[in-house]
Protein backbone atom coordinates (compact mmCIF):
# COMPACT_ATOMS: atom_id res chain seq x y z
CA MET A 1 91.46 106.82 99.94
CA ALA A 2 88.87 108.26 98.14
CA LYS A 3 86.64 105.91 95.84
CA TYR A 4 87.28 109.14 92.99
CA ARG A 5 89.27 112.06 92.07
CA ILE A 6 87.50 114.98 90.93
CA ALA A 7 89.51 118.03 89.04
CA ILE A 8 87.72 121.21 89.89
CA LEU A 9 88.24 123.55 87.14
CA PRO A 10 86.24 126.87 88.48
CA GLY A 11 88.17 129.10 85.18
CA ASP A 12 86.51 132.83 85.00
CA GLY A 13 84.57 135.21 86.28
CA VAL A 14 81.08 133.56 87.70
CA GLY A 15 82.80 130.21 87.00
CA LYS A 16 84.26 130.50 90.44
CA ASP A 17 80.75 131.43 92.04
CA VAL A 18 78.76 129.04 90.54
CA ILE A 19 81.75 126.28 91.63
CA GLU A 20 81.54 127.78 95.08
CA ALA A 21 78.07 127.09 95.21
CA THR A 22 78.32 123.91 94.06
CA MET A 23 80.96 122.08 96.50
CA PRO A 24 78.76 122.36 99.77
CA ILE A 25 76.07 120.09 97.85
CA LEU A 26 78.35 117.65 96.65
CA LYS A 27 79.58 117.48 100.50
CA LYS A 28 76.21 117.21 102.22
CA LEU A 29 75.29 114.24 99.38
CA GLU A 30 78.76 112.43 101.26
CA VAL A 31 80.33 111.78 97.59
CA ASP A 32 83.53 109.45 98.22
CA ALA A 33 86.09 112.29 96.35
CA GLU A 34 89.16 114.19 96.76
CA TYR A 35 88.81 117.39 95.00
CA ALA A 36 92.18 118.55 92.73
CA TYR A 37 91.67 122.43 92.14
CA GLY A 38 93.33 123.21 88.55
CA ASP A 39 94.09 126.20 86.30
CA ILE A 40 92.25 127.22 83.48
CA GLY A 41 91.03 130.63 81.60
CA TRP A 42 91.49 133.86 80.56
CA GLU A 43 94.23 134.86 82.87
CA PHE A 44 96.62 132.10 82.38
CA TRP A 45 96.23 133.21 79.09
CA ARG A 46 97.13 136.66 79.70
CA ARG A 47 99.99 135.84 82.14
CA GLU A 48 101.56 132.39 80.52
CA GLY A 49 100.14 132.66 76.94
CA ASN A 50 98.43 129.10 77.33
CA ALA A 51 94.94 128.96 78.33
CA LEU A 52 95.30 125.35 79.04
CA PRO A 53 98.31 124.95 80.89
CA ASP A 54 100.17 121.49 80.63
CA ARG A 55 100.08 121.01 84.63
CA THR A 56 95.92 121.15 84.24
CA LYS A 57 96.27 118.28 81.43
CA LYS A 58 98.71 116.28 83.70
CA LEU A 59 95.76 116.74 86.59
CA LEU A 60 93.03 115.61 84.55
CA LYS A 61 95.12 112.29 83.31
CA GLU A 62 95.10 111.57 86.77
CA THR A 63 91.73 111.93 88.02
CA ASP A 64 88.19 110.10 86.82
CA ALA A 65 86.38 113.12 86.22
CA CYS A 66 86.23 117.23 85.82
CA LEU A 67 83.51 119.88 87.36
CA PHE A 68 84.35 123.20 85.12
CA GLY A 69 82.79 126.48 85.75
CA ALA A 70 83.00 128.98 82.62
CA ILE A 71 85.79 130.47 80.75
CA THR A 72 86.57 133.80 79.07
CA SER A 73 86.82 133.93 75.02
CA LYS A 74 87.66 136.74 73.10
CA PRO A 75 88.37 137.68 69.57
CA LYS A 76 91.88 137.08 68.07
CA LYS A 77 92.88 140.79 68.28
CA ASP A 78 91.68 141.51 71.79
CA ALA A 79 92.94 138.36 72.84
CA ASP A 80 96.59 139.58 71.43
CA ALA A 81 96.04 143.25 72.81
CA GLU A 82 95.37 141.59 76.81
CA LEU A 83 98.67 139.32 76.34
CA ASP A 84 101.31 139.87 78.53
CA PRO A 85 104.04 142.03 76.72
CA SER A 86 106.37 139.99 77.43
CA LEU A 87 104.95 137.32 75.67
CA ARG A 88 103.71 139.29 72.80
CA GLY A 89 105.13 138.30 69.25
CA LYS A 90 105.93 134.69 70.30
CA GLY A 91 103.51 133.03 67.74
CA LEU A 92 101.26 132.72 70.31
CA THR A 93 97.40 131.95 69.53
CA TYR A 94 94.55 131.61 71.73
CA PHE A 95 91.99 129.05 71.68
CA SER A 96 89.02 128.05 73.55
CA PRO A 97 90.57 125.88 76.58
CA ILE A 98 87.50 123.77 76.86
CA VAL A 99 87.19 123.41 72.64
CA ARG A 100 90.79 122.19 73.34
CA LEU A 101 90.22 119.80 76.13
CA ARG A 102 87.27 118.34 74.52
CA GLN A 103 89.64 117.87 71.28
CA GLU A 104 92.77 116.73 73.40
CA PHE A 105 90.90 114.11 75.31
CA ASP A 106 88.36 112.94 72.69
CA LEU A 107 85.56 114.06 74.37
CA PHE A 108 83.03 113.27 71.17
CA THR A 109 79.83 113.45 72.96
CA ASN A 110 78.48 116.74 74.23
CA LEU A 111 75.03 115.58 76.30
CA ARG A 112 73.00 118.73 77.16
CA PRO A 113 69.64 117.77 78.98
CA CYS A 114 66.90 119.99 78.48
CA LYS A 115 64.23 119.67 81.12
CA ALA A 116 61.33 121.90 82.54
CA TYR A 117 61.20 121.82 86.46
CA PRO A 118 57.67 122.22 87.47
CA GLY A 119 57.09 125.96 89.05
CA ASN A 120 60.12 127.15 87.35
CA PRO A 121 58.51 130.77 85.95
CA LEU A 122 61.18 131.10 82.98
CA ASN A 123 59.56 127.65 81.67
CA TYR A 124 58.37 128.61 77.83
CA LYS A 125 56.05 125.60 78.33
CA ASP A 126 55.84 122.76 81.35
CA LYS A 127 56.39 119.49 80.87
CA ILE A 128 59.43 120.07 77.94
CA ASP A 129 61.87 117.50 78.31
CA LEU A 130 64.56 116.79 75.64
CA VAL A 131 68.15 116.07 74.96
CA ILE A 132 70.61 117.14 72.40
CA PHE A 133 73.44 115.02 71.65
CA ARG A 134 76.07 117.48 70.05
CA GLU A 135 79.36 116.57 68.14
CA ASN A 136 81.99 117.94 70.19
CA THR A 137 85.28 117.35 68.32
CA GLU A 138 84.59 118.32 64.50
CA GLY A 139 82.50 120.16 62.24
CA MET A 140 82.90 123.99 62.13
CA TYR A 141 84.78 124.11 65.72
CA ALA A 142 87.51 121.77 64.16
CA GLY A 143 89.56 124.98 64.51
CA VAL A 144 90.66 124.82 60.84
CA GLU A 145 90.89 128.25 59.48
CA PHE A 146 92.92 130.61 57.34
CA ARG A 147 93.01 134.39 57.51
CA PRO A 148 94.87 135.85 55.53
CA LEU A 149 95.09 133.03 53.17
CA PRO A 150 97.81 131.18 51.94
CA ASP A 151 98.73 130.75 48.55
CA ALA A 152 98.51 126.53 48.97
CA VAL A 153 95.09 126.74 50.14
CA ARG A 154 94.14 129.06 47.49
CA THR A 155 95.48 126.72 44.98
CA ALA A 156 93.20 123.77 46.17
CA LEU A 157 90.50 125.72 46.43
CA ALA A 158 90.98 127.14 43.13
CA THR A 159 89.83 123.79 41.52
CA HIS A 160 86.66 123.97 42.88
CA PRO A 161 84.32 126.15 40.58
CA LYS A 162 82.30 127.24 43.27
CA PHE A 163 85.38 129.27 44.41
CA LYS A 164 85.77 131.24 41.22
CA PRO A 165 83.96 134.41 42.55
CA PHE A 166 86.72 134.68 45.28
CA ALA A 167 89.43 134.20 43.10
CA ALA A 168 90.93 137.54 42.76
CA VAL A 169 90.44 138.52 46.49
CA PRO A 170 93.60 139.50 48.25
CA ALA A 171 94.88 137.13 50.94
CA ASP A 172 94.13 139.61 53.36
CA GLU A 173 90.73 140.28 52.74
CA ILE A 174 89.63 136.68 53.00
CA ALA A 175 89.11 134.54 55.43
CA VAL A 176 88.35 130.35 55.42
CA SER A 177 86.63 128.04 57.86
CA THR A 178 86.23 124.37 57.03
CA ARG A 179 83.74 122.09 58.40
CA ILE A 180 85.51 118.96 58.63
CA MET A 181 83.40 116.09 59.39
CA THR A 182 84.29 112.10 58.89
CA GLU A 183 82.58 108.76 59.12
CA ASN A 184 83.78 107.68 62.34
CA GLY A 185 82.78 111.38 64.02
CA CYS A 186 79.18 110.97 62.38
CA ARG A 187 78.38 107.42 63.35
CA ARG A 188 79.43 107.24 66.96
CA ILE A 189 77.79 110.38 68.09
CA VAL A 190 74.71 109.02 66.15
CA LYS A 191 75.41 105.93 67.71
CA ALA A 192 75.45 107.51 71.25
CA ALA A 193 72.08 109.20 71.06
CA PHE A 194 70.42 105.97 70.25
CA ASP A 195 71.96 104.01 72.58
CA TYR A 196 70.76 106.93 74.99
CA ALA A 197 67.46 107.00 73.75
CA ARG A 198 67.31 103.07 74.05
CA ALA A 199 68.39 103.27 77.65
CA LYS A 200 66.07 105.88 78.88
CA ASN A 201 62.99 104.17 76.91
CA ARG A 202 62.68 107.33 74.53
CA LYS A 203 60.81 106.87 71.34
CA SER A 204 62.75 109.03 68.69
CA VAL A 205 66.23 110.50 67.74
CA THR A 206 65.82 113.44 65.16
CA LEU A 207 69.01 114.83 63.22
CA VAL A 208 69.72 118.41 63.07
CA GLU A 209 71.55 119.27 60.10
CA LYS A 210 71.64 121.05 56.31
CA PRO A 211 72.19 118.82 53.98
CA ASN A 212 70.22 120.65 51.12
CA VAL A 213 72.89 123.10 51.12
CA LEU A 214 75.78 121.53 52.48
CA ARG A 215 75.45 118.77 50.75
CA GLU A 216 79.37 116.68 51.37
CA THR A 217 79.58 117.39 54.72
CA GLY A 218 75.56 117.20 55.67
CA GLY A 219 75.02 114.16 53.36
CA LEU A 220 77.49 112.38 55.20
CA MET A 221 75.90 112.64 58.42
CA LEU A 222 72.64 112.07 57.13
CA GLU A 223 73.79 108.63 55.45
CA THR A 224 75.86 107.49 58.34
CA ALA A 225 72.59 108.41 60.47
CA ARG A 226 70.19 106.36 58.22
CA GLU A 227 72.69 103.60 58.34
CA VAL A 228 73.07 103.29 62.16
CA ALA A 229 69.46 103.99 62.69
CA LYS A 230 68.94 100.67 60.90
CA ASP A 231 69.84 98.97 64.21
CA TYR A 232 67.77 100.35 66.06
CA PRO A 233 63.86 99.82 64.85
CA ASP A 234 62.40 100.06 68.00
CA ILE A 235 63.23 103.75 67.86
CA VAL A 236 61.55 106.05 65.38
CA PHE A 237 64.54 108.26 63.45
CA LYS A 238 63.77 111.91 62.12
CA ASP A 239 65.56 114.50 60.41
CA ALA A 240 65.10 118.37 59.77
CA ASN A 241 67.22 121.04 58.87
CA VAL A 242 68.59 123.30 61.56
CA ASP A 243 66.42 126.51 60.14
CA ALA A 244 63.39 124.59 60.20
CA MET A 245 64.24 122.98 63.86
CA CYS A 246 64.44 126.50 64.99
CA MET A 247 61.29 127.02 64.37
CA TRP A 248 59.97 123.78 65.28
CA LEU A 249 61.26 123.46 68.74
CA LEU A 250 59.13 127.35 69.78
CA LYS A 251 56.04 125.11 67.57
CA ASN A 252 55.98 121.84 69.09
CA PRO A 253 58.84 121.00 71.30
CA TYR A 254 56.68 117.90 72.75
CA ASP A 255 57.67 116.22 69.30
CA TYR A 256 61.11 116.08 70.07
CA GLU A 257 62.77 113.44 72.48
CA VAL A 258 66.10 113.15 71.40
CA LEU A 259 67.97 115.69 68.77
CA VAL A 260 71.46 114.76 67.67
CA ALA A 261 73.75 117.56 65.32
CA GLU A 262 76.92 118.50 64.41
CA ASN A 263 79.08 120.63 66.65
CA LEU A 264 77.99 124.06 65.28
CA PHE A 265 74.40 123.30 64.89
CA GLY A 266 74.08 121.52 67.81
CA ASP A 267 75.42 124.72 69.64
CA ILE A 268 72.77 126.46 68.44
CA ILE A 269 69.89 124.75 69.16
CA SER A 270 71.20 123.78 72.48
CA ASP A 271 71.05 127.58 73.71
CA LEU A 272 67.44 127.56 71.82
CA ALA A 273 66.10 124.30 73.65
CA ALA A 274 67.77 125.71 77.31
CA GLN A 275 65.62 128.81 77.17
CA LEU A 276 62.50 127.03 76.72
CA VAL A 277 63.33 124.99 80.24
CA GLY A 278 64.26 128.69 81.59
CA GLY A 279 67.69 129.91 80.07
CA LEU A 280 71.18 129.34 80.50
CA GLY A 281 71.12 129.52 84.34
CA PHE A 282 69.69 125.95 84.03
CA ALA A 283 71.69 124.67 80.79
CA CYS A 284 74.29 121.83 81.50
CA SER A 285 76.12 119.83 79.71
CA GLY A 286 78.66 116.72 79.87
CA ASN A 287 81.82 116.32 77.65
CA ILE A 288 81.73 112.59 77.47
CA GLY A 289 84.51 110.05 75.68
CA SER A 290 85.13 106.55 76.16
CA SER A 291 87.04 106.83 79.32
CA TYR A 292 87.01 110.45 80.71
CA ALA A 293 84.23 113.17 81.07
CA VAL A 294 84.01 117.47 81.82
CA PHE A 295 80.91 118.38 82.90
CA GLU A 296 79.96 122.21 83.07
CA PRO A 297 77.09 124.48 82.99
CA THR A 298 77.04 126.11 79.24
CA HIS A 299 77.17 129.90 80.24
CA GLY A 300 79.94 131.90 79.64
CA SER A 301 82.03 133.64 82.48
CA ALA A 302 79.87 137.24 82.45
CA PRO A 303 82.76 138.83 84.16
CA LYS A 304 80.69 142.16 85.21
CA TYR A 305 78.88 139.98 87.93
CA ALA A 306 82.22 138.31 88.70
CA GLY A 307 82.61 137.70 92.64
CA MET A 308 78.75 138.84 93.06
CA HIS A 309 77.32 135.48 93.61
CA LYS A 310 74.38 136.69 91.92
CA VAL A 311 73.66 134.34 88.77
CA ASN A 312 71.52 131.17 89.07
CA PRO A 313 74.32 128.12 89.89
CA ILE A 314 71.70 125.28 88.96
CA ALA A 315 73.03 124.73 85.50
CA THR A 316 76.25 124.15 87.33
CA PHE A 317 74.49 121.51 90.40
CA LEU A 318 72.64 120.00 87.40
CA ALA A 319 76.02 119.16 85.65
CA ALA A 320 77.27 117.58 88.80
CA GLU A 321 74.27 115.71 88.58
CA LEU A 322 75.34 114.27 85.20
CA MET A 323 78.48 113.53 86.73
CA LEU A 324 77.45 111.74 89.23
CA GLU A 325 75.49 109.65 86.79
CA TRP A 326 78.44 109.14 84.49
CA LEU A 327 80.44 108.07 87.47
CA GLY A 328 77.68 105.52 88.48
CA GLU A 329 76.17 107.17 91.65
CA THR A 330 72.90 107.33 90.36
CA ALA A 331 71.38 107.30 93.60
CA LYS A 332 73.07 110.57 94.96
CA ALA A 333 72.68 111.83 91.09
CA ASP A 334 68.48 111.17 91.66
CA ALA A 335 68.80 112.67 95.29
CA LEU A 336 70.70 115.98 93.90
CA ASP A 337 68.06 116.43 90.79
CA GLY A 338 64.67 115.78 93.62
CA ALA A 339 66.41 118.53 95.67
CA VAL A 340 66.86 120.75 93.09
CA ALA A 341 63.12 120.18 91.83
CA GLU A 342 61.65 120.52 95.31
CA VAL A 343 63.51 124.43 95.52
CA ILE A 344 62.37 125.47 92.42
CA LYS A 345 58.80 123.94 92.90
CA GLU A 346 58.95 126.13 96.28
CA SER A 347 59.81 129.21 95.17
CA ARG A 348 61.34 130.57 98.43
CA VAL A 349 64.71 131.12 97.16
CA ARG A 350 64.94 132.43 93.62
CA THR A 351 68.31 134.13 92.01
CA TYR A 352 67.58 137.23 90.15
CA ASP A 353 66.80 135.78 86.86
CA MET A 354 64.14 133.90 88.47
CA GLY A 355 62.56 137.10 89.68
CA GLY A 356 64.07 136.98 93.28
CA LYS A 357 66.75 138.22 95.20
CA SER A 358 68.72 134.99 96.09
CA THR A 359 72.58 134.98 96.04
CA SER A 360 74.03 131.94 94.09
CA LEU A 361 75.14 130.54 97.17
CA GLU A 362 72.13 130.90 99.01
CA MET A 363 70.51 128.71 96.31
CA GLY A 364 73.53 126.26 96.93
CA ARG A 365 72.14 126.23 100.50
CA ALA A 366 69.04 125.54 99.96
CA VAL A 367 69.57 122.59 97.82
CA ALA A 368 71.95 120.91 100.01
CA ASP A 369 69.41 121.61 102.88
CA LYS A 370 67.00 119.40 100.72
CA LEU A 371 69.42 116.50 101.29
């Protein structure tokens, strides 16, 4: 019997390509695992009205971890239009399956390393090495939105003086998204960032927020972070507004080691930081909870490239590395990281984004050969 049972969710578009390129690497590493493939993504929304079928959630509950490819998400009207005609008019609503996974499995930590590998022609600067902790279940992505505006919500908002300019706007001409943050949610993501900094011998943690404008939600995050920081006197705590951080990451990327942020802000600065080290082809993430985790590249499904094995699969290789480390297979994780670094440095095998003509499958074979 295998030591691990790992769920594999290729998803849509190039998600299938990058997962296909990654599996030979896991085989070469001789990971003692059984791999169970599951269904997720746009086709299951279209055919079944559910992008995250119940059978897939059951699969995840029966596995130790999950490696995920990519999914397609589209705006509400497009999602409704592509739904099978037999399912229309039944009150079905599309909601991103990866966001649902994060919330339903309480995968509150989104860990996103951004490291510049030597020899990568896409590096903004060499030697950049920072990690972002993004809160994964609350904030602007909590999913509590209204359009048209229900009377009960309008009545509640009418008690707030700032709502006065919108009081007469017709219900179907106004949309409201809520930014929901709890003290527990703020505390545990900040604590995760500090624990990581201490474990990895990183000297600072920087909170990225906007409390001067978002006074209640941002204020709660800042106050909670300051409280948590008191328990880590060996680590420098800093805070910065999200708009300023977008500038400072470009100007002084070496000043930051661990960043921590609410869901939306964490999403924004993660993509910015990813571009510093080569773009989304190098950007991986771990969605980590107390007892389960889902690992993925952070890029989308890029439908126009589906089946072409064109896109850079290194982000998925690095996601697999994060998964191995989380499972406690640190030697195999380190070996994979070293193999990726060697292939990048040699510059013989490069996908189109790196100026080469190699396929994602060729990139996978090159990394596997280094093992």
